[in-house]
Amino acid sequence: MSILFRLTVYPLLWLISILPFPILYLFSNFICFLLYNFIGYRKAIVRANLQNSFPLKSNSERKYIEKAFYKHLADLILETIKGMTISKSSLLQRLALTNPEIFESLYADKRSCIVVMSHCGNWEWVCTVAQLSAPQHAQSVYKTLSNASWDSWFYKIRSRYGTQTFPMEKTLRVMTENANLITATAFLGDQNPANGKNAYWTTFLNQDTCFMMGSEKIARKMDQCVYYLQVRKVKRGFYTAEMILLCEQPKETKEGEITEMIARATERDIVEDPATWLWSHRRWKYKRE
């Protein structure tokens, strides 16, 4: 983290983070207005993604999702900043794991697991709360940001309560080093691959879509069962997370089978609550050859 960032940006973010939630969400309303009406942040990308994903919906239905998405995006930005100072008790109250017995059972059996989540709900709070919610050694894989200061800032928030976070290029090395521990490793399953050539291709939201296969490869190599973490927004500032089993015996699956399960679970989540997915992401920039 650069000295300039520490002296200018960091204090401002900290001041925002200590705001009470009611005031924070008033600020979020203002951010939403700026993003949607004034700046028009990635509006063309959002509209194209919604049009291609939901061709059977009417223009008014897609417009409703669009506006709801920008409201959620503004909340997500402010909630991520709130992660700098949010207390353990408040975090656990606002992101509640509905079936913690899954983690407890796996831990009792001394079995590690892969937990795949998507850009639905608030994935940043999931990373922060992970070690508070599971008896396993919680690990989270992330994609390194090009800006070192922002990358360091996100790292501090995600690891604030003990979750071990590491860049995806170090995944195999770190997980091999921690092989003697009982771990729960979180992956974001709907990120864009570095390119579409070596990725898994499937139909996702009515479009040819490529998926990274990292979580599947790790699960098969290390024989770890795979769960999908379904994160739902209950109301503003409150989420639930539910562990859903995808694969109990990964070594018995064919190549691409687990990744297909991840794609289908993610698609179901998006269809059921489309406004809370990251529509501003350039998810379909690669084309199948």
Protein backbone atom coordinates (compact mmCIF):
# COMPACT_ATOMS: atom_id res chain seq x y z
CA MET A 1 0.00 0.00 0.00
CA SER A 2 1.58 3.28 -1.13
CA ILE A 3 2.20 6.17 1.26
CA LEU A 4 -0.06 8.41 -0.84
CA PHE A 5 -2.91 5.89 -0.56
CA ARG A 6 -2.40 5.60 3.21
CA LEU A 7 -2.46 9.38 3.68
CA THR A 8 -5.37 10.24 1.38
CA VAL A 9 -7.67 7.40 0.31
CA TYR A 10 -7.38 5.13 3.36
CA PRO A 11 -8.51 7.76 5.96
CA LEU A 12 -11.53 8.65 3.81
CA LEU A 13 -12.54 4.99 3.49
CA TRP A 14 -12.11 4.53 7.24
CA LEU A 15 -14.36 7.52 7.98
CA ILE A 16 -17.04 6.08 5.70
CA SER A 17 -16.70 2.67 7.35
CA ILE A 18 -17.49 3.96 10.83
CA LEU A 19 -20.82 5.47 9.73
CA PRO A 20 -23.89 3.80 11.31
CA PHE A 21 -25.75 1.57 8.84
CA PRO A 22 -28.77 3.90 8.42
CA ILE A 23 -26.48 6.76 7.39
CA LEU A 24 -24.36 4.42 5.30
CA TYR A 25 -27.39 3.46 3.23
CA LEU A 26 -28.41 7.08 2.78
CA PHE A 27 -24.94 7.58 1.34
CA SER A 28 -25.52 4.46 -0.78
CA ASN A 29 -28.66 6.05 -2.26
CA PHE A 30 -26.55 9.01 -3.34
CA ILE A 31 -23.86 6.73 -4.82
CA CYS A 32 -26.58 4.86 -6.73
CA PHE A 33 -27.89 8.13 -8.17
CA LEU A 34 -24.40 9.10 -9.32
CA LEU A 35 -23.60 5.69 -10.83
CA TYR A 36 -26.90 5.30 -12.65
CA ASN A 37 -28.11 8.79 -13.57
CA PHE A 38 -24.98 10.91 -13.71
CA ILE A 39 -21.94 8.71 -14.47
CA GLY A 40 -23.81 5.93 -16.23
CA TYR A 41 -21.24 3.42 -14.96
CA ARG A 42 -20.98 0.56 -17.49
CA LYS A 43 -24.66 0.99 -18.32
CA ALA A 44 -24.20 -0.25 -21.89
CA ILE A 45 -22.53 -3.44 -20.62
CA VAL A 46 -25.27 -4.03 -18.03
CA ARG A 47 -28.03 -3.57 -20.61
CA ALA A 48 -26.35 -5.83 -23.16
CA ASN A 49 -25.80 -8.54 -20.54
CA LEU A 50 -29.42 -8.38 -19.41
CA GLN A 51 -30.73 -8.37 -23.00
CA ASN A 52 -28.69 -11.42 -23.95
CA SER A 53 -29.36 -13.28 -20.70
CA PHE A 54 -33.11 -12.65 -20.57
CA PRO A 55 -34.28 -12.29 -24.19
CA LEU A 56 -37.82 -13.38 -23.28
CA LYS A 57 -38.29 -10.71 -20.64
CA SER A 58 -39.93 -7.44 -21.60
CA ASN A 59 -38.02 -4.16 -21.75
CA SER A 60 -39.79 -2.99 -18.59
CA GLU A 61 -38.81 -6.18 -16.74
CA ARG A 62 -35.15 -5.78 -17.73
CA LYS A 63 -35.29 -2.09 -16.81
CA TYR A 64 -36.55 -3.02 -13.35
CA ILE A 65 -33.66 -5.48 -12.86
CA GLU A 66 -31.22 -2.89 -14.15
CA LYS A 67 -32.28 -0.25 -11.62
CA ALA A 68 -32.38 -2.79 -8.78
CA PHE A 69 -28.88 -3.92 -9.71
CA TYR A 70 -27.42 -0.42 -9.43
CA LYS A 71 -29.05 -0.03 -6.02
CA HIS A 72 -27.48 -3.32 -4.93
CA LEU A 73 -24.11 -2.35 -6.44
CA ALA A 74 -24.05 0.88 -4.43
CA ASP A 75 -24.92 -1.10 -1.28
CA LEU A 76 -22.17 -3.59 -2.08
CA ILE A 77 -19.57 -0.83 -2.44
CA LEU A 78 -20.48 0.72 0.90
CA GLU A 79 -20.78 -2.66 2.65
CA THR A 80 -17.31 -3.60 1.41
CA ILE A 81 -15.92 -0.39 2.89
CA LYS A 82 -17.84 -1.14 6.10
CA GLY A 83 -15.81 -4.33 6.27
CA MET A 84 -12.87 -2.25 7.53
CA THR A 85 -14.48 -1.74 10.93
CA ILE A 86 -17.59 -3.94 11.21
CA SER A 87 -17.63 -5.96 14.43
CA LYS A 88 -17.67 -9.75 14.58
CA SER A 89 -21.14 -9.84 16.12
CA SER A 90 -22.62 -7.48 13.53
CA LEU A 91 -21.02 -9.37 10.65
CA LEU A 92 -22.32 -12.72 11.91
CA GLN A 93 -25.78 -11.24 12.35
CA ARG A 94 -25.84 -9.69 8.88
CA LEU A 95 -24.45 -12.71 7.01
CA ALA A 96 -25.90 -15.81 8.63
CA LEU A 97 -24.93 -19.36 7.64
CA THR A 98 -28.18 -21.34 7.63
CA ASN A 99 -26.66 -24.83 7.87
CA PRO A 100 -23.42 -24.65 9.92
CA GLU A 101 -23.82 -28.34 10.73
CA ILE A 102 -22.33 -29.09 7.29
CA PHE A 103 -19.01 -27.58 8.31
CA GLU A 104 -19.20 -29.22 11.72
CA SER A 105 -19.83 -32.66 10.21
CA LEU A 106 -16.99 -32.32 7.71
CA TYR A 107 -14.66 -31.16 10.47
CA ALA A 108 -15.64 -34.11 12.67
CA ASP A 109 -14.85 -36.43 9.75
CA LYS A 110 -11.54 -34.59 9.25
CA ARG A 111 -12.43 -33.88 5.65
CA SER A 112 -11.49 -30.72 3.77
CA CYS A 113 -13.83 -29.16 1.23
CA ILE A 114 -14.03 -26.77 -1.70
CA VAL A 115 -16.66 -24.05 -1.36
CA VAL A 116 -17.58 -22.37 -4.64
CA MET A 117 -19.52 -19.13 -4.60
CA SER A 118 -20.58 -16.62 -7.24
CA HIS A 119 -20.83 -12.85 -7.63
CA CYS A 120 -24.29 -12.98 -6.05
CA GLY A 121 -25.11 -11.12 -2.86
CA ASN A 122 -22.07 -9.96 -0.91
CA TRP A 123 -19.08 -12.21 -1.58
CA GLU A 124 -16.69 -9.81 0.18
CA TRP A 125 -18.46 -10.29 3.52
CA VAL A 126 -18.38 -14.05 2.91
CA CYS A 127 -14.57 -13.95 2.75
CA THR A 128 -14.33 -11.77 5.85
CA VAL A 129 -16.70 -13.91 7.93
CA ALA A 130 -15.45 -17.33 6.77
CA GLN A 131 -13.14 -18.12 9.68
CA LEU A 132 -15.81 -16.99 12.14
CA SER A 133 -18.37 -19.39 10.64
CA ALA A 134 -16.39 -22.60 10.21
CA PRO A 135 -14.14 -24.68 12.49
CA GLN A 136 -11.96 -25.53 9.49
CA HIS A 137 -8.94 -23.51 8.46
CA ALA A 138 -10.72 -21.04 6.14
CA GLN A 139 -8.98 -20.13 2.90
CA SER A 140 -10.06 -17.84 0.07
CA VAL A 141 -8.66 -17.62 -3.44
CA TYR A 142 -8.68 -14.21 -5.15
CA LYS A 143 -7.65 -12.64 -8.42
CA THR A 144 -4.85 -10.10 -7.91
CA LEU A 145 -5.76 -6.51 -8.79
CA SER A 146 -3.46 -4.50 -11.05
CA ASN A 147 -3.37 -1.63 -8.52
CA ALA A 148 -1.17 -2.77 -5.63
CA SER A 149 -2.69 -0.34 -3.09
CA TRP A 150 -6.26 -1.46 -3.74
CA ASP A 151 -5.14 -5.08 -3.81
CA SER A 152 -3.57 -4.64 -0.38
CA TRP A 153 -6.70 -2.90 0.93
CA PHE A 154 -8.97 -5.75 -0.16
CA TYR A 155 -6.52 -8.29 1.29
CA LYS A 156 -6.67 -6.62 4.72
CA ILE A 157 -10.48 -6.66 4.76
CA ARG A 158 -10.82 -10.27 3.59
CA SER A 159 -8.25 -11.57 6.08
CA ARG A 160 -9.32 -9.31 8.97
CA TYR A 161 -10.90 -12.10 11.04
CA GLY A 162 -8.45 -14.85 10.25
CA THR A 163 -9.34 -16.10 6.77
CA GLN A 164 -6.18 -16.96 4.84
CA THR A 165 -6.39 -15.33 1.41
CA PHE A 166 -4.01 -15.92 -1.47
CA PRO A 167 -3.85 -15.17 -5.23
CA MET A 168 -5.10 -17.88 -7.57
CA GLU A 169 -1.68 -18.45 -9.09
CA LYS A 170 -0.52 -19.72 -5.69
CA THR A 171 -3.54 -21.97 -5.08
CA LEU A 172 -1.94 -25.35 -5.58
CA ARG A 173 1.19 -24.42 -3.64
CA VAL A 174 -0.68 -23.04 -0.62
CA MET A 175 -3.18 -25.90 -0.52
CA THR A 176 -0.37 -28.43 -0.75
CA GLU A 177 1.42 -26.70 2.13
CA ASN A 178 -1.83 -26.81 4.17
CA ALA A 179 -2.62 -30.42 3.26
CA ASN A 180 -2.14 -31.46 6.90
CA LEU A 181 -4.92 -29.06 7.97
CA ILE A 182 -8.68 -29.52 7.70
CA THR A 183 -9.54 -26.73 5.30
CA ALA A 184 -12.52 -25.03 3.66
CA THR A 185 -11.33 -23.23 0.54
CA ALA A 186 -13.51 -20.63 -1.15
CA PHE A 187 -13.40 -20.06 -4.91
CA LEU A 188 -15.38 -17.61 -7.04
CA GLY A 189 -16.77 -19.91 -9.69
CA ASP A 190 -18.12 -17.39 -12.20
CA GLN A 191 -15.01 -15.33 -12.91
CA ASN A 192 -13.66 -14.92 -16.42
CA PRO A 193 -10.76 -17.23 -17.34
CA ALA A 194 -7.51 -15.63 -18.53
CA ASN A 195 -8.58 -16.75 -22.01
CA GLY A 196 -11.24 -18.93 -23.52
CA LYS A 197 -8.94 -21.52 -25.09
CA ASN A 198 -8.29 -23.81 -22.13
CA ALA A 199 -11.55 -23.14 -20.34
CA TYR A 200 -14.72 -25.18 -20.00
CA TRP A 201 -17.50 -24.04 -22.35
CA THR A 202 -21.21 -24.40 -21.71
CA THR A 203 -24.50 -22.59 -22.27
CA PHE A 204 -25.03 -20.17 -19.41
CA LEU A 205 -27.82 -17.61 -19.31
CA ASN A 206 -28.65 -18.37 -22.95
CA GLN A 207 -25.09 -17.69 -24.13
CA ASP A 208 -21.90 -19.58 -24.90
CA THR A 209 -19.85 -19.01 -21.74
CA CYS A 210 -16.41 -20.14 -20.63
CA PHE A 211 -15.63 -21.10 -17.03
CA MET A 212 -12.37 -21.53 -15.17
CA MET A 213 -11.75 -25.11 -14.09
CA GLY A 214 -9.42 -24.37 -11.17
CA SER A 215 -11.80 -25.43 -8.40
CA GLU A 216 -12.64 -28.66 -10.22
CA LYS A 217 -8.99 -29.53 -10.85
CA ILE A 218 -8.06 -28.87 -7.22
CA ALA A 219 -11.03 -30.90 -5.96
CA ARG A 220 -10.10 -33.88 -8.12
CA LYS A 221 -6.38 -33.68 -7.34
CA MET A 222 -6.86 -33.36 -3.58
CA ASP A 223 -10.06 -35.43 -3.38
CA GLN A 224 -12.08 -32.73 -1.63
CA CYS A 225 -15.87 -32.64 -1.80
CA VAL A 226 -17.39 -29.61 -3.52
CA TYR A 227 -20.14 -27.37 -2.17
CA TYR A 228 -21.86 -24.36 -3.69
CA LEU A 229 -22.46 -21.48 -1.30
CA GLN A 230 -25.80 -19.91 -2.13
CA VAL A 231 -25.82 -16.32 -0.88
CA ARG A 232 -29.20 -14.58 -0.79
CA LYS A 233 -30.03 -10.98 0.03
CA VAL A 234 -32.84 -11.10 2.58
CA LYS A 235 -33.17 -7.35 2.87
CA ARG A 236 -30.87 -4.37 2.75
CA GLY A 237 -27.71 -5.17 4.71
CA PHE A 238 -28.74 -8.74 5.58
CA TYR A 239 -27.81 -11.96 3.79
CA THR A 240 -28.07 -15.69 4.28
CA ALA A 241 -25.59 -18.29 3.08
CA GLU A 242 -26.47 -21.95 2.51
CA MET A 243 -24.09 -24.81 1.75
CA ILE A 244 -25.36 -26.97 -1.14
CA LEU A 245 -23.56 -30.21 -1.95
CA LEU A 246 -22.46 -30.52 -5.58
CA CYS A 247 -20.04 -33.44 -5.53
CA GLU A 248 -19.17 -35.90 -2.76
CA GLN A 249 -16.56 -37.94 -4.67
CA PRO A 250 -14.75 -35.66 -7.17
CA LYS A 251 -12.30 -38.33 -8.32
CA GLU A 252 -15.21 -40.32 -9.71
CA THR A 253 -16.34 -37.50 -12.03
CA LYS A 254 -15.47 -36.85 -15.65
CA GLU A 255 -13.58 -33.76 -16.77
CA GLY A 256 -15.88 -30.75 -16.83
CA GLU A 257 -18.63 -32.42 -14.81
CA ILE A 258 -18.03 -30.43 -11.61
CA THR A 259 -17.64 -27.17 -13.51
CA GLU A 260 -20.98 -27.83 -15.22
CA MET A 261 -22.56 -28.32 -11.78
CA ILE A 262 -21.11 -24.97 -10.69
CA ALA A 263 -22.48 -23.25 -13.80
CA ARG A 264 -25.96 -24.66 -13.25
CA ALA A 265 -26.03 -23.73 -9.54
CA THR A 266 -24.88 -20.20 -10.35
CA GLU A 267 -27.45 -19.84 -13.14
CA ARG A 268 -30.28 -20.92 -10.81
CA ASP A 269 -29.19 -18.30 -8.29
CA ILE A 270 -29.14 -15.54 -10.89
CA VAL A 271 -32.52 -16.45 -12.40
CA GLU A 272 -34.16 -16.52 -8.97
CA ASP A 273 -32.72 -13.15 -7.88
CA PRO A 274 -31.13 -11.42 -10.89
CA ALA A 275 -30.62 -7.98 -9.35
CA THR A 276 -27.89 -9.15 -6.96
CA TRP A 277 -25.49 -10.56 -9.58
CA LEU A 278 -22.59 -8.50 -10.97
CA TRP A 279 -24.07 -7.45 -14.34
CA SER A 280 -21.41 -4.75 -14.86
CA HIS A 281 -18.77 -7.45 -15.33
CA ARG A 282 -17.60 -8.09 -18.92
CA ARG A 283 -18.43 -11.75 -18.53
CA TRP A 284 -18.87 -12.62 -22.20
CA LYS A 285 -15.81 -11.02 -23.79
CA TYR A 286 -14.55 -14.36 -25.17
CA LYS A 287 -16.14 -16.26 -28.03
CA ARG A 288 -16.10 -20.01 -28.50
CA GLU A 289 -13.81 -21.06 -31.34
